Amino acid sequence: EALENVKQVIAFLQQALPKANSTSIEIIDRIPGDSDIHSHALGALVDHVTQDNSLTKLKLQQTSRPSIVDSLCVHNLTNLECQWDSNHMHVARLIHVNSRTLQQLRICVHEMPKFRHLIFTETNALVVFPYLERLIISKPPHARVGVMPAIDCVAPFPRLKRLQVTFEYPFSDDLPFRSNSSSLGFVSIMLDHRAIRLLSSYGVFGKDRLRALQHLVVGKLDGQRAEQNDCYREFFDWALPRVRYLFIHNPLDTQLLLQTLSPKRDFDNLQLLSVLHSSISLSQIVQVLVAFPRLKTLVCQYSNMGDGFSSMSIRQ
């Protein structure tokens, strides 16, 4: 009966959606009846949709039924959204098959140590994503996903343009930053002082890396002790002259930022600075505006008038 229903759906799709080029599949745990029959039915449906290679976008909400994932004979995806959980190897095979066409990959990770299977097959062959432009990594709320072990001498994302990681930096090295310095223009990551030290040790914040970076979104800055503050000052010293758009998504001691400002430095690039959760006095706001002559937008919380106006040197 399920297969017969699929045939009716296919006939309807042929008439109603002749130019369909994307689909979203949500796999629900509570499917009545024989799950294998439903898997075959879904496979038949996807086979029809993909018979002319028109399917380019796919969303898998859950992978609790891996047989359904295995039934998806898709080889031309450009956009994939999926879960990386206990059944991740089934998803990994789907990703590997489409690795040479994927342009955007959005993954919700449940177990980070097993994330190495994203770039290695079951026979330990390296998988490279030559056209991947967007990599977005998230995790379930309150989940502890661990850290991916370091991997040397591989650069799986050579054309990456946008990297977003919505939780604490989950790698033990600079893996997502390798061989893409000329293309990576948008980075959004949670950076505590340990992550900054780690990435600095791999040269990520060197003058010859991230040459295309324009947008930088950071959170988790947790400066409290002197050594942490020194770390953040070094980070701002690298970032402020380089990027055009800087977003800091957590409360920050504004002095850490202001202490890197010097009339001798060239800060002509920065056009937007967002420190939405930080309080800045009026005198500090003026200091920021003086330091960044091309700044078009400043987003912050006003605290008080402050002091020090008489000592400020306004550049003409």
C-alpha atoms as a PDB file:
ATOM      1  CA  GLU A   1       0.000   0.000   0.000  1.00  0.00           C
ATOM      2  CA  ALA A   2       2.824   2.387   0.835  1.00  0.00           C
ATOM      3  CA  LEU A   3       4.438   1.887  -2.575  1.00  0.00           C
ATOM      4  CA  GLU A   4       1.094   2.435  -4.278  1.00  0.00           C
ATOM      5  CA  ASN A   5       0.658   5.670  -2.377  1.00  0.00           C
ATOM      6  CA  VAL A   6       4.094   6.768  -3.514  1.00  0.00           C
ATOM      7  CA  LYS A   7       3.136   6.166  -7.144  1.00  0.00           C
ATOM      8  CA  GLN A   8       0.139   8.430  -6.666  1.00  0.00           C
ATOM      9  CA  VAL A   9       2.317  11.101  -5.059  1.00  0.00           C
ATOM     10  CA  ILE A  10       4.799  10.873  -7.942  1.00  0.00           C
ATOM     11  CA  ALA A  11       2.031  11.286 -10.483  1.00  0.00           C
ATOM     12  CA  PHE A  12       0.805  14.362  -8.626  1.00  0.00           C
ATOM     13  CA  LEU A  13       4.322  15.815  -8.427  1.00  0.00           C
ATOM     14  CA  GLN A  14       4.818  15.390 -12.152  1.00  0.00           C
ATOM     15  CA  GLN A  15       1.859  17.638 -12.799  1.00  0.00           C
ATOM     16  CA  ALA A  16       2.080  20.074  -9.887  1.00  0.00           C
ATOM     17  CA  LEU A  17       5.857  20.548  -9.583  1.00  0.00           C
ATOM     18  CA  PRO A  18       7.454  20.003 -12.974  1.00  0.00           C
ATOM     19  CA  LYS A  19      10.440  22.208 -12.151  1.00  0.00           C
ATOM     20  CA  ALA A  20      11.089  21.139  -8.557  1.00  0.00           C
ATOM     21  CA  ASN A  21      14.791  21.285  -7.768  1.00  0.00           C
ATOM     22  CA  SER A  22      14.948  20.826  -4.008  1.00  0.00           C
ATOM     23  CA  THR A  23      13.301  18.822  -1.252  1.00  0.00           C
ATOM     24  CA  SER A  24      13.221  18.653   2.538  1.00  0.00           C
ATOM     25  CA  ILE A  25      12.878  15.256   4.193  1.00  0.00           C
ATOM     26  CA  GLU A  26      11.992  14.945   7.864  1.00  0.00           C
ATOM     27  CA  ILE A  27      12.284  11.456   9.286  1.00  0.00           C
ATOM     28  CA  ILE A  28       9.873  10.831  12.154  1.00  0.00           C
ATOM     29  CA  ASP A  29      10.515   8.151  14.762  1.00  0.00           C
ATOM     30  CA  ARG A  30       6.882   7.201  15.221  1.00  0.00           C
ATOM     31  CA  ILE A  31       6.149   5.758  11.766  1.00  0.00           C
ATOM     32  CA  PRO A  32       3.410   3.128  11.934  1.00  0.00           C
ATOM     33  CA  GLY A  33       3.786  -0.267  10.359  1.00  0.00           C
ATOM     34  CA  ASP A  34       6.828  -1.821   8.701  1.00  0.00           C
ATOM     35  CA  SER A  35       9.715   0.678   8.665  1.00  0.00           C
ATOM     36  CA  ASP A  36      11.442  -1.243   5.827  1.00  0.00           C
ATOM     37  CA  ILE A  37       8.404  -0.764   3.605  1.00  0.00           C
ATOM     38  CA  HIS A  38       8.400   2.944   4.364  1.00  0.00           C
ATOM     39  CA  SER A  39      12.110   3.088   3.638  1.00  0.00           C
ATOM     40  CA  HIS A  40      11.584   1.518   0.215  1.00  0.00           C
ATOM     41  CA  ALA A  41       8.657   3.819  -0.425  1.00  0.00           C
ATOM     42  CA  LEU A  42      10.720   6.877   0.436  1.00  0.00           C
ATOM     43  CA  GLY A  43      13.565   5.541  -1.694  1.00  0.00           C
ATOM     44  CA  ALA A  44      11.211   5.164  -4.665  1.00  0.00           C
ATOM     45  CA  LEU A  45      10.002   8.723  -4.193  1.00  0.00           C
ATOM     46  CA  VAL A  46      13.516  10.166  -4.002  1.00  0.00           C
ATOM     47  CA  ASP A  47      14.642   8.034  -6.958  1.00  0.00           C
ATOM     48  CA  HIS A  48      11.943   9.616  -9.058  1.00  0.00           C
ATOM     49  CA  VAL A  49      12.769  13.136  -7.937  1.00  0.00           C
ATOM     50  CA  THR A  50      16.468  12.581  -8.650  1.00  0.00           C
ATOM     51  CA  GLN A  51      16.223  10.707 -11.923  1.00  0.00           C
ATOM     52  CA  ASP A  52      17.139  13.845 -13.886  1.00  0.00           C
ATOM     53  CA  ASN A  53      19.737  15.017 -11.302  1.00  0.00           C
ATOM     54  CA  SER A  54      17.500  17.960 -10.407  1.00  0.00           C
ATOM     55  CA  LEU A  55      17.589  17.374  -6.630  1.00  0.00           C
ATOM     56  CA  THR A  56      20.263  19.643  -5.161  1.00  0.00           C
ATOM     57  CA  LYS A  57      19.056  20.327  -1.603  1.00  0.00           C
ATOM     58  CA  LEU A  58      18.306  17.811   1.120  1.00  0.00           C
ATOM     59  CA  LYS A  59      17.443  18.135   4.809  1.00  0.00           C
ATOM     60  CA  LEU A  60      17.521  15.158   7.166  1.00  0.00           C
ATOM     61  CA  GLN A  61      15.997  15.957  10.540  1.00  0.00           C
ATOM     62  CA  GLN A  62      16.892  12.653  12.184  1.00  0.00           C
ATOM     63  CA  THR A  63      18.899   9.545  11.372  1.00  0.00           C
ATOM     64  CA  SER A  64      17.265   7.155  13.819  1.00  0.00           C
ATOM     65  CA  ARG A  65      16.188   5.056  10.828  1.00  0.00           C
ATOM     66  CA  PRO A  66      19.487   4.567   8.953  1.00  0.00           C
ATOM     67  CA  SER A  67      17.823   2.317   6.353  1.00  0.00           C
ATOM     68  CA  ILE A  68      15.996   5.400   5.093  1.00  0.00           C
ATOM     69  CA  VAL A  69      19.281   7.281   4.732  1.00  0.00           C
ATOM     70  CA  ASP A  70      20.824   4.298   2.930  1.00  0.00           C
ATOM     71  CA  SER A  71      17.913   4.263   0.483  1.00  0.00           C
ATOM     72  CA  LEU A  72      18.676   7.794  -0.743  1.00  0.00           C
ATOM     73  CA  CYS A  73      20.487   7.388  -4.055  1.00  0.00           C
ATOM     74  CA  VAL A  74      21.512  11.024  -4.414  1.00  0.00           C
ATOM     75  CA  HIS A  75      24.735  12.022  -6.153  1.00  0.00           C
ATOM     76  CA  ASN A  76      24.307  15.663  -7.109  1.00  0.00           C
ATOM     77  CA  LEU A  77      23.638  17.563  -3.887  1.00  0.00           C
ATOM     78  CA  THR A  78      24.854  21.122  -3.433  1.00  0.00           C
ATOM     79  CA  ASN A  79      23.155  21.739  -0.053  1.00  0.00           C
ATOM     80  CA  LEU A  80      22.829  19.204   2.749  1.00  0.00           C
ATOM     81  CA  GLU A  81      21.572  19.620   6.310  1.00  0.00           C
ATOM     82  CA  CYS A  82      21.869  16.617   8.618  1.00  0.00           C
ATOM     83  CA  GLN A  83      22.452  15.201  12.099  1.00  0.00           C
ATOM     84  CA  TRP A  84      25.775  13.643  13.185  1.00  0.00           C
ATOM     85  CA  ASP A  85      24.652  11.218  15.879  1.00  0.00           C
ATOM     86  CA  SER A  86      25.074   7.526  16.739  1.00  0.00           C
ATOM     87  CA  ASN A  87      24.107   6.613  13.158  1.00  0.00           C
ATOM     88  CA  HIS A  88      26.616   9.049  11.672  1.00  0.00           C
ATOM     89  CA  MET A  89      28.308   6.494   9.393  1.00  0.00           C
ATOM     90  CA  HIS A  90      25.141   6.247   7.280  1.00  0.00           C
ATOM     91  CA  VAL A  91      25.105  10.021   6.908  1.00  0.00           C
ATOM     92  CA  ALA A  92      28.862  10.034   6.265  1.00  0.00           C
ATOM     93  CA  ARG A  93      28.422   7.733   3.265  1.00  0.00           C
ATOM     94  CA  LEU A  94      25.784  10.066   1.833  1.00  0.00           C
ATOM     95  CA  ILE A  95      28.112  13.043   2.354  1.00  0.00           C
ATOM     96  CA  HIS A  96      31.078  11.279   0.772  1.00  0.00           C
ATOM     97  CA  VAL A  97      29.094  10.406  -2.342  1.00  0.00           C
ATOM     98  CA  ASN A  98      28.236  14.082  -2.755  1.00  0.00           C
ATOM     99  CA  SER A  99      31.549  15.546  -1.580  1.00  0.00           C
ATOM    100  CA  ARG A 100      32.538  16.826  -5.026  1.00  0.00           C
ATOM    101  CA  THR A 101      29.319  18.780  -5.585  1.00  0.00           C
ATOM    102  CA  LEU A 102      28.445  20.051  -2.085  1.00  0.00           C
ATOM    103  CA  GLN A 103      28.565  23.822  -1.679  1.00  0.00           C
ATOM    104  CA  GLN A 104      26.882  24.105   1.722  1.00  0.00           C
ATOM    105  CA  LEU A 105      26.979  21.595   4.573  1.00  0.00           C
ATOM    106  CA  ARG A 106      25.086  22.171   7.816  1.00  0.00           C
ATOM    107  CA  ILE A 107      25.670  19.562  10.529  1.00  0.00           C
ATOM    108  CA  CYS A 108      24.273  19.225  14.044  1.00  0.00           C
ATOM    109  CA  VAL A 109      26.957  17.262  15.893  1.00  0.00           C
ATOM    110  CA  HIS A 110      26.193  14.930  18.786  1.00  0.00           C
ATOM    111  CA  GLU A 111      29.652  13.286  19.044  1.00  0.00           C
ATOM    112  CA  MET A 112      32.609  15.414  17.970  1.00  0.00           C
ATOM    113  CA  PRO A 113      35.371  12.757  18.326  1.00  0.00           C
ATOM    114  CA  LYS A 114      33.675  10.767  15.560  1.00  0.00           C
ATOM    115  CA  PHE A 115      33.572  13.832  13.315  1.00  0.00           C
ATOM    116  CA  ARG A 116      36.801  12.607  11.696  1.00  0.00           C
ATOM    117  CA  HIS A 117      34.598  10.274   9.637  1.00  0.00           C
ATOM    118  CA  LEU A 118      33.424  13.362   7.784  1.00  0.00           C
ATOM    119  CA  ILE A 119      36.758  13.498   5.962  1.00  0.00           C
ATOM    120  CA  PHE A 120      37.770   9.831   6.042  1.00  0.00           C
ATOM    121  CA  THR A 121      35.902   6.895   4.547  1.00  0.00           C
ATOM    122  CA  GLU A 122      35.456   3.535   6.251  1.00  0.00           C
ATOM    123  CA  THR A 123      38.646   2.399   4.482  1.00  0.00           C
ATOM    124  CA  ASN A 124      40.487   5.500   5.794  1.00  0.00           C
ATOM    125  CA  ALA A 125      40.638   7.222   2.404  1.00  0.00           C
ATOM    126  CA  LEU A 126      40.718  11.005   2.555  1.00  0.00           C
ATOM    127  CA  VAL A 127      37.597  12.884   1.429  1.00  0.00           C
ATOM    128  CA  VAL A 128      38.078  16.419   0.085  1.00  0.00           C
ATOM    129  CA  PHE A 129      35.256  18.918  -0.546  1.00  0.00           C
ATOM    130  CA  PRO A 130      36.637  20.945  -3.478  1.00  0.00           C
ATOM    131  CA  TYR A 131      33.597  23.209  -3.934  1.00  0.00           C
ATOM    132  CA  LEU A 132      32.301  23.521  -0.377  1.00  0.00           C
ATOM    133  CA  GLU A 133      31.767  27.213   0.393  1.00  0.00           C
ATOM    134  CA  ARG A 134      29.748  27.100   3.627  1.00  0.00           C
ATOM    135  CA  LEU A 135      30.333  24.852   6.629  1.00  0.00           C
ATOM    136  CA  ILE A 136      27.955  25.328   9.573  1.00  0.00           C
ATOM    137  CA  ILE A 137      28.463  23.193  12.689  1.00  0.00           C
ATOM    138  CA  SER A 138      26.007  23.245  15.614  1.00  0.00           C
ATOM    139  CA  LYS A 139      25.100  20.954  18.510  1.00  0.00           C
ATOM    140  CA  PRO A 140      21.945  20.081  20.447  1.00  0.00           C
ATOM    141  CA  PRO A 141      21.182  22.372  23.411  1.00  0.00           C
ATOM    142  CA  HIS A 142      23.093  21.455  26.596  1.00  0.00           C
ATOM    143  CA  ALA A 143      24.914  18.598  24.840  1.00  0.00           C
ATOM    144  CA  ARG A 144      28.562  17.849  25.593  1.00  0.00           C
ATOM    145  CA  VAL A 145      29.957  16.773  22.264  1.00  0.00           C
ATOM    146  CA  GLY A 146      33.680  16.580  23.047  1.00  0.00           C
ATOM    147  CA  VAL A 147      36.582  17.572  20.808  1.00  0.00           C
ATOM    148  CA  MET A 148      37.811  16.154  17.518  1.00  0.00           C
ATOM    149  CA  PRO A 149      41.386  14.791  17.751  1.00  0.00           C
ATOM    150  CA  ALA A 150      44.102  16.564  15.754  1.00  0.00           C
ATOM    151  CA  ILE A 151      44.671  15.455  12.159  1.00  0.00           C
ATOM    152  CA  ASP A 152      47.858  16.404  10.341  1.00  0.00           C
ATOM    153  CA  CYS A 153      48.609  17.182   6.711  1.00  0.00           C
ATOM    154  CA  VAL A 154      45.070  17.315   5.279  1.00  0.00           C
ATOM    155  CA  ALA A 155      43.119  20.305   3.948  1.00  0.00           C
ATOM    156  CA  PRO A 156      39.557  19.106   3.259  1.00  0.00           C
ATOM    157  CA  PHE A 157      37.919  22.518   2.609  1.00  0.00           C
ATOM    158  CA  PRO A 158      40.186  24.395   0.154  1.00  0.00           C
ATOM    159  CA  ARG A 159      37.525  26.814  -1.142  1.00  0.00           C
ATOM    160  CA  LEU A 160      35.619  27.500   2.059  1.00  0.00           C
ATOM    161  CA  LYS A 161      34.136  31.002   2.173  1.00  0.00           C
ATOM    162  CA  ARG A 162      32.013  30.853   5.323  1.00  0.00           C
ATOM    163  CA  LEU A 163      32.690  28.973   8.576  1.00  0.00           C
ATOM    164  CA  GLN A 164      30.188  29.003  11.443  1.00  0.00           C
ATOM    165  CA  VAL A 165      30.606  27.043  14.673  1.00  0.00           C
ATOM    166  CA  THR A 166      27.880  27.827  17.204  1.00  0.00           C
ATOM    167  CA  PHE A 167      29.635  26.390  20.291  1.00  0.00           C
ATOM    168  CA  GLU A 168      33.122  26.245  21.808  1.00  0.00           C
ATOM    169  CA  TYR A 169      35.813  25.554  19.196  1.00  0.00           C
ATOM    170  CA  PRO A 170      35.568  21.752  18.806  1.00  0.00           C
ATOM    171  CA  PHE A 171      38.846  20.972  16.989  1.00  0.00           C
ATOM    172  CA  SER A 172      42.288  20.209  18.409  1.00  0.00           C
ATOM    173  CA  ASP A 173      44.045  21.962  15.530  1.00  0.00           C
ATOM    174  CA  ASP A 174      43.437  24.392  12.645  1.00  0.00           C
ATOM    175  CA  LEU A 175      41.686  21.849  10.384  1.00  0.00           C
ATOM    176  CA  PRO A 176      38.855  24.075   9.027  1.00  0.00           C
ATOM    177  CA  PHE A 177      41.296  26.950   8.285  1.00  0.00           C
ATOM    178  CA  ARG A 178      43.757  25.079   6.086  1.00  0.00           C
ATOM    179  CA  SER A 179      44.449  26.083   2.456  1.00  0.00           C
ATOM    180  CA  ASN A 180      41.535  28.539   2.291  1.00  0.00           C
ATOM    181  CA  SER A 181      43.200  31.809   3.320  1.00  0.00           C
ATOM    182  CA  SER A 182      42.411  33.367  -0.055  1.00  0.00           C
ATOM    183  CA  SER A 183      38.687  32.467   0.085  1.00  0.00           C
ATOM    184  CA  LEU A 184      37.526  32.401   3.734  1.00  0.00           C
ATOM    185  CA  GLY A 185      35.740  35.724   4.185  1.00  0.00           C
ATOM    186  CA  PHE A 186      33.253  35.013   7.024  1.00  0.00           C
ATOM    187  CA  VAL A 187      34.129  33.347  10.325  1.00  0.00           C
ATOM    188  CA  SER A 188      31.757  32.947  13.275  1.00  0.00           C
ATOM    189  CA  ILE A 189      33.184  31.014  16.231  1.00  0.00           C
ATOM    190  CA  MET A 190      33.173  30.866  20.016  1.00  0.00           C
ATOM    191  CA  LEU A 191      36.657  31.906  21.136  1.00  0.00           C
ATOM    192  CA  ASP A 192      37.807  31.556  24.703  1.00  0.00           C
ATOM    193  CA  HIS A 193      41.454  32.237  25.506  1.00  0.00           C
ATOM    194  CA  ARG A 194      42.360  28.543  25.071  1.00  0.00           C
ATOM    195  CA  ALA A 195      40.986  28.470  21.523  1.00  0.00           C
ATOM    196  CA  ILE A 196      42.836  31.681  20.658  1.00  0.00           C
ATOM    197  CA  ARG A 197      46.085  30.227  21.972  1.00  0.00           C
ATOM    198  CA  LEU A 198      45.498  27.000  20.071  1.00  0.00           C
ATOM    199  CA  LEU A 199      44.779  28.704  16.741  1.00  0.00           C
ATOM    200  CA  SER A 200      47.660  31.117  17.263  1.00  0.00           C
ATOM    201  CA  SER A 201      50.008  28.177  17.770  1.00  0.00           C
ATOM    202  CA  TYR A 202      49.012  26.951  14.292  1.00  0.00           C
ATOM    203  CA  GLY A 203      49.551  30.394  12.792  1.00  0.00           C
ATOM    204  CA  VAL A 204      45.891  31.048  12.003  1.00  0.00           C
ATOM    205  CA  PHE A 205      46.226  34.624  13.244  1.00  0.00           C
ATOM    206  CA  GLY A 206      49.443  35.248  11.332  1.00  0.00           C
ATOM    207  CA  LYS A 207      49.761  38.019   8.762  1.00  0.00           C
ATOM    208  CA  ASP A 208      49.726  35.595   5.823  1.00  0.00           C
ATOM    209  CA  ARG A 209      46.600  33.693   6.896  1.00  0.00           C
ATOM    210  CA  LEU A 210      42.926  34.606   6.437  1.00  0.00           C
ATOM    211  CA  ARG A 211      43.769  37.210   3.823  1.00  0.00           C
ATOM    212  CA  ALA A 212      40.161  37.339   2.567  1.00  0.00           C
ATOM    213  CA  LEU A 213      38.549  37.726   5.994  1.00  0.00           C
ATOM    214  CA  GLN A 214      35.929  40.516   6.079  1.00  0.00           C
ATOM    215  CA  HIS A 215      33.310  39.400   8.639  1.00  0.00           C
ATOM    216  CA  LEU A 216      34.358  38.136  12.057  1.00  0.00           C
ATOM    217  CA  VAL A 217      31.807  37.081  14.672  1.00  0.00           C
ATOM    218  CA  VAL A 218      33.183  35.955  18.034  1.00  0.00           C
ATOM    219  CA  GLY A 219      31.715  34.927  21.356  1.00  0.00           C
ATOM    220  CA  LYS A 220      32.786  33.237  24.581  1.00  0.00           C
ATOM    221  CA  LEU A 221      35.498  35.816  25.271  1.00  0.00           C
ATOM    222  CA  ASP A 222      36.041  35.205  28.981  1.00  0.00           C
ATOM    223  CA  GLY A 223      38.898  37.501  30.004  1.00  0.00           C
ATOM    224  CA  GLN A 224      39.186  37.728  33.779  1.00  0.00           C
ATOM    225  CA  ARG A 225      42.808  37.013  34.658  1.00  0.00           C
ATOM    226  CA  ALA A 226      45.813  38.934  33.381  1.00  0.00           C
ATOM    227  CA  GLU A 227      47.064  36.182  31.056  1.00  0.00           C
ATOM    228  CA  GLN A 228      43.616  35.894  29.478  1.00  0.00           C
ATOM    229  CA  ASN A 229      43.440  39.640  28.971  1.00  0.00           C
ATOM    230  CA  ASP A 230      46.850  39.625  27.300  1.00  0.00           C
ATOM    231  CA  CYS A 231      45.569  36.909  24.978  1.00  0.00           C
ATOM    232  CA  TYR A 232      42.553  38.963  23.951  1.00  0.00           C
ATOM    233  CA  ARG A 233      44.594  42.105  23.446  1.00  0.00           C
ATOM    234  CA  GLU A 234      46.832  40.177  21.049  1.00  0.00           C
ATOM    235  CA  PHE A 235      43.754  38.873  19.255  1.00  0.00           C
ATOM    236  CA  PHE A 236      42.251  42.352  18.828  1.00  0.00           C
ATOM    237  CA  ASP A 237      45.637  43.630  17.733  1.00  0.00           C
ATOM    238  CA  TRP A 238      45.441  41.128  14.879  1.00  0.00           C
ATOM    239  CA  ALA A 239      41.723  41.475  14.060  1.00  0.00           C
ATOM    240  CA  LEU A 240      41.000  45.204  14.211  1.00  0.00           C
ATOM    241  CA  PRO A 241      43.223  46.348  11.318  1.00  0.00           C
ATOM    242  CA  ARG A 242      42.077  43.431   9.153  1.00  0.00           C
ATOM    243  CA  VAL A 243      38.295  43.005   9.165  1.00  0.00           C
ATOM    244  CA  ARG A 244      35.487  45.268   8.004  1.00  0.00           C
ATOM    245  CA  TYR A 245      32.735  43.869  10.222  1.00  0.00           C
ATOM    246  CA  LEU A 246      33.423  42.749  13.799  1.00  0.00           C
ATOM    247  CA  PHE A 247      30.674  41.342  16.044  1.00  0.00           C
ATOM    248  CA  ILE A 248      31.380  40.409  19.675  1.00  0.00           C
ATOM    249  CA  HIS A 249      28.466  38.429  21.071  1.00  0.00           C
ATOM    250  CA  ASN A 250      29.073  38.441  24.795  1.00  0.00           C
ATOM    251  CA  PRO A 251      29.767  40.961  27.567  1.00  0.00           C
ATOM    252  CA  LEU A 252      33.311  42.231  27.281  1.00  0.00           C
ATOM    253  CA  ASP A 253      35.578  44.474  29.328  1.00  0.00           C
ATOM    254  CA  THR A 254      35.714  47.267  26.779  1.00  0.00           C
ATOM    255  CA  GLN A 255      39.168  48.282  27.995  1.00  0.00           C
ATOM    256  CA  LEU A 256      40.538  45.107  26.395  1.00  0.00           C
ATOM    257  CA  LEU A 257      39.393  46.468  23.066  1.00  0.00           C
ATOM    258  CA  LEU A 258      40.333  50.090  23.668  1.00  0.00           C
ATOM    259  CA  GLN A 259      43.841  49.263  24.873  1.00  0.00           C
ATOM    260  CA  THR A 260      44.744  48.044  21.378  1.00  0.00           C
ATOM    261  CA  LEU A 261      43.790  51.391  19.823  1.00  0.00           C
ATOM    262  CA  SER A 262      46.735  53.574  18.997  1.00  0.00           C
ATOM    263  CA  PRO A 263      46.986  56.688  16.802  1.00  0.00           C
ATOM    264  CA  LYS A 264      49.950  55.026  15.123  1.00  0.00           C
ATOM    265  CA  ARG A 265      47.942  52.044  13.935  1.00  0.00           C
ATOM    266  CA  ASP A 266      46.009  51.873  10.668  1.00  0.00           C
ATOM    267  CA  PHE A 267      42.384  51.001  11.397  1.00  0.00           C
ATOM    268  CA  ASP A 268      40.948  52.217   8.096  1.00  0.00           C
ATOM    269  CA  ASN A 269      39.198  48.940   7.255  1.00  0.00           C
ATOM    270  CA  LEU A 270      36.644  48.597  10.051  1.00  0.00           C
ATOM    271  CA  GLN A 271      33.166  49.762   9.040  1.00  0.00           C
ATOM    272  CA  LEU A 272      30.966  48.027  11.633  1.00  0.00           C
ATOM    273  CA  LEU A 273      31.695  47.250  15.273  1.00  0.00           C
ATOM    274  CA  SER A 274      29.058  45.494  17.354  1.00  0.00           C
ATOM    275  CA  VAL A 275      29.626  45.035  21.091  1.00  0.00           C
ATOM    276  CA  LEU A 276      25.932  44.853  21.844  1.00  0.00           C
ATOM    277  CA  HIS A 277      26.292  43.259  25.281  1.00  0.00           C
ATOM    278  CA  SER A 278      29.041  45.578  26.511  1.00  0.00           C
ATOM    279  CA  SER A 279      28.614  48.916  28.248  1.00  0.00           C
ATOM    280  CA  ILE A 280      30.656  51.816  26.876  1.00  0.00           C
ATOM    281  CA  SER A 281      30.900  55.334  28.226  1.00  0.00           C
ATOM    282  CA  LEU A 282      30.490  58.363  26.007  1.00  0.00           C
ATOM    283  CA  SER A 283      34.190  59.153  26.206  1.00  0.00           C
ATOM    284  CA  GLN A 284      35.006  55.587  25.089  1.00  0.00           C
ATOM    285  CA  ILE A 285      32.552  55.909  22.207  1.00  0.00           C
ATOM    286  CA  VAL A 286      34.400  59.010  21.064  1.00  0.00           C
ATOM    287  CA  GLN A 287      37.689  57.115  21.382  1.00  0.00           C
ATOM    288  CA  VAL A 288      36.341  54.366  19.135  1.00  0.00           C
ATOM    289  CA  LEU A 289      35.069  56.844  16.551  1.00  0.00           C
ATOM    290  CA  VAL A 290      38.424  58.606  16.489  1.00  0.00           C
ATOM    291  CA  ALA A 291      40.317  55.328  16.051  1.00  0.00           C
ATOM    292  CA  PHE A 292      38.137  54.047  13.199  1.00  0.00           C
ATOM    293  CA  PRO A 293      37.695  56.859  10.658  1.00  0.00           C
ATOM    294  CA  ARG A 294      35.675  54.680   8.231  1.00  0.00           C
ATOM    295  CA  LEU A 295      33.338  53.262  10.882  1.00  0.00           C
ATOM    296  CA  LYS A 296      29.730  53.511   9.732  1.00  0.00           C
ATOM    297  CA  THR A 297      27.954  51.559  12.483  1.00  0.00           C
ATOM    298  CA  LEU A 298      28.673  51.165  16.204  1.00  0.00           C
ATOM    299  CA  VAL A 299      26.361  48.957  18.252  1.00  0.00           C
ATOM    300  CA  CYS A 300      26.830  49.020  22.030  1.00  0.00           C
ATOM    301  CA  GLN A 301      25.201  49.777  25.374  1.00  0.00           C
ATOM    302  CA  TYR A 302      25.682  53.319  26.703  1.00  0.00           C
ATOM    303  CA  SER A 303      26.799  53.361  30.328  1.00  0.00           C
ATOM    304  CA  ASN A 304      27.737  56.910  31.385  1.00  0.00           C
ATOM    305  CA  MET A 305      29.557  60.044  30.316  1.00  0.00           C
ATOM    306  CA  GLY A 306      32.982  58.797  31.297  1.00  0.00           C
ATOM    307  CA  ASP A 307      36.011  61.067  31.416  1.00  0.00           C
ATOM    308  CA  GLY A 308      39.206  61.801  29.585  1.00  0.00           C
ATOM    309  CA  PHE A 309      37.834  64.121  26.903  1.00  0.00           C
ATOM    310  CA  SER A 310      40.601  66.669  27.419  1.00  0.00           C
ATOM    311  CA  SER A 311      43.342  64.138  26.672  1.00  0.00           C
ATOM    312  CA  MET A 312      41.870  62.944  23.366  1.00  0.00           C
ATOM    313  CA  SER A 313      43.589  63.815  20.125  1.00  0.00           C
ATOM    314  CA  ILE A 314      41.107  64.043  17.252  1.00  0.00           C
ATOM    315  CA  ARG A 315      42.599  63.223  13.874  1.00  0.00           C
ATOM    316  CA  GLN A 316      41.529  65.505  11.035  1.00  0.00           C
END
